[in-house]
Amino acid sequence: MMHTLGDTWVCRSCENEMPRDSQAEAAMTTQDGQQDDGAPVVADATQGSSETMQEPCPADGCDSDRAYYEMMPKPGGSYEVRLFTCVECGHRWRES
């Protein structure tokens, strides 16, 4: 990854240096000024699930000990992830 140092670009790993080019830099895209649209909408895998199990809710202020759950395989099939939704406060979490 290159960074600027005065009038040069310097590689952080090998310390190679190249002169800066103002025209090339003007065409570069940076994160400065980009709009953050927030987190993407993700489907709730436990939505519509009627099965609950005894699982304490980790949300602050919630003393529920029941949660809806669903088992989902992890990519690669090595093991599964359990997705939980608290029956009282709706807090969602996962356990893998």
Protein backbone atom coordinates (compact mmCIF):
# COMPACT_ATOMS: atom_id res chain seq x y z
CA MET A 1 0.00 0.00 0.00
CA MET A 2 1.46 3.34 -1.04
CA HIS A 3 1.28 6.51 1.03
CA THR A 4 2.37 10.05 0.30
CA LEU A 5 5.48 11.62 1.73
CA GLY A 6 5.93 15.15 0.44
CA ASP A 7 6.19 15.01 -3.36
CA THR A 8 6.58 11.22 -3.55
CA TRP A 9 4.57 8.03 -3.13
CA VAL A 10 6.27 5.52 -0.81
CA CYS A 11 5.47 1.79 -0.52
CA ARG A 12 4.88 0.77 3.11
CA SER A 13 6.36 -2.70 2.65
CA CYS A 14 9.37 -2.27 0.31
CA GLU A 15 9.87 1.53 0.60
CA ASN A 16 9.92 1.94 -3.20
CA GLU A 17 9.43 5.61 -4.12
CA MET A 18 7.68 7.19 -7.12
CA PRO A 19 7.08 10.89 -7.87
CA ARG A 20 3.53 12.15 -7.34
CA ASP A 21 1.41 12.92 -10.45
CA SER A 22 -1.33 15.48 -9.73
CA GLN A 23 -3.38 14.48 -12.81
CA ALA A 24 -3.34 10.80 -11.87
CA GLU A 25 -4.22 11.62 -8.25
CA ALA A 26 -7.21 13.71 -9.36
CA ALA A 27 -8.64 10.62 -11.09
CA MET A 28 -8.22 8.37 -8.01
CA THR A 29 -11.25 7.34 -5.96
CA THR A 30 -11.01 7.66 -2.20
CA GLN A 31 -13.39 7.07 0.67
CA ASP A 32 -13.36 10.77 1.55
CA GLY A 33 -16.75 12.25 0.78
CA GLN A 34 -18.43 8.92 0.02
CA GLN A 35 -21.89 8.43 1.47
CA ASP A 36 -22.40 5.62 3.97
CA ASP A 37 -25.77 4.02 3.27
CA GLY A 38 -25.62 2.04 6.49
CA ALA A 39 -25.54 -1.70 6.95
CA PRO A 40 -27.09 -3.82 4.21
CA VAL A 41 -30.50 -5.32 4.88
CA VAL A 42 -30.13 -8.97 5.82
CA ALA A 43 -33.01 -11.42 6.01
CA ASP A 44 -33.76 -12.72 9.49
CA ALA A 45 -33.31 -16.48 9.22
CA THR A 46 -35.40 -17.02 12.36
CA GLN A 47 -38.36 -15.05 10.96
CA GLY A 48 -41.41 -17.26 10.93
CA SER A 49 -39.72 -19.88 13.08
CA SER A 50 -41.98 -21.31 15.76
CA GLU A 51 -39.35 -23.40 17.51
CA THR A 52 -37.83 -21.96 20.66
CA MET A 53 -35.17 -23.20 23.01
CA GLN A 54 -33.83 -22.22 26.38
CA GLU A 55 -31.12 -19.69 25.53
CA PRO A 56 -30.52 -16.55 27.63
CA CYS A 57 -30.73 -13.28 25.70
CA PRO A 58 -27.39 -11.37 25.74
CA ALA A 59 -29.08 -7.96 25.28
CA ASP A 60 -28.64 -5.45 28.09
CA GLY A 61 -31.77 -5.16 30.20
CA CYS A 62 -33.45 -8.28 28.82
CA ASP A 63 -33.97 -11.19 31.20
CA SER A 64 -35.57 -13.58 28.71
CA ASP A 65 -34.32 -17.15 28.66
CA ARG A 66 -36.12 -18.22 25.45
CA ALA A 67 -35.18 -17.63 21.82
CA TYR A 68 -36.34 -18.67 18.37
CA TYR A 69 -33.54 -20.48 16.56
CA GLU A 70 -32.48 -21.88 13.22
CA MET A 71 -29.49 -23.94 12.21
CA MET A 72 -27.63 -22.84 9.06
CA PRO A 73 -24.71 -24.66 7.43
CA LYS A 74 -21.51 -22.65 7.10
CA PRO A 75 -19.98 -22.41 3.63
CA GLY A 76 -17.79 -25.42 3.06
CA GLY A 77 -20.04 -27.59 5.21
CA SER A 78 -17.58 -27.91 8.07
CA TYR A 79 -20.12 -27.06 10.80
CA GLU A 80 -23.33 -25.15 11.42
CA VAL A 81 -24.21 -21.76 12.85
CA ARG A 82 -27.16 -21.28 15.19
CA LEU A 83 -29.12 -18.06 14.65
CA PHE A 84 -31.20 -16.77 17.56
CA THR A 85 -33.93 -14.15 18.03
CA CYS A 86 -35.10 -13.31 21.55
CA VAL A 87 -38.81 -14.02 22.01
CA GLU A 88 -39.23 -10.94 24.25
CA CYS A 89 -37.05 -8.10 22.90
CA GLY A 90 -36.30 -9.31 19.35
CA HIS A 91 -32.51 -9.05 19.80
CA ARG A 92 -30.68 -11.23 17.23
CA TRP A 93 -27.36 -13.02 17.64
CA ARG A 94 -25.52 -16.06 16.37
CA GLU A 95 -23.43 -18.83 17.80
CA SER A 96 -21.01 -20.85 15.72
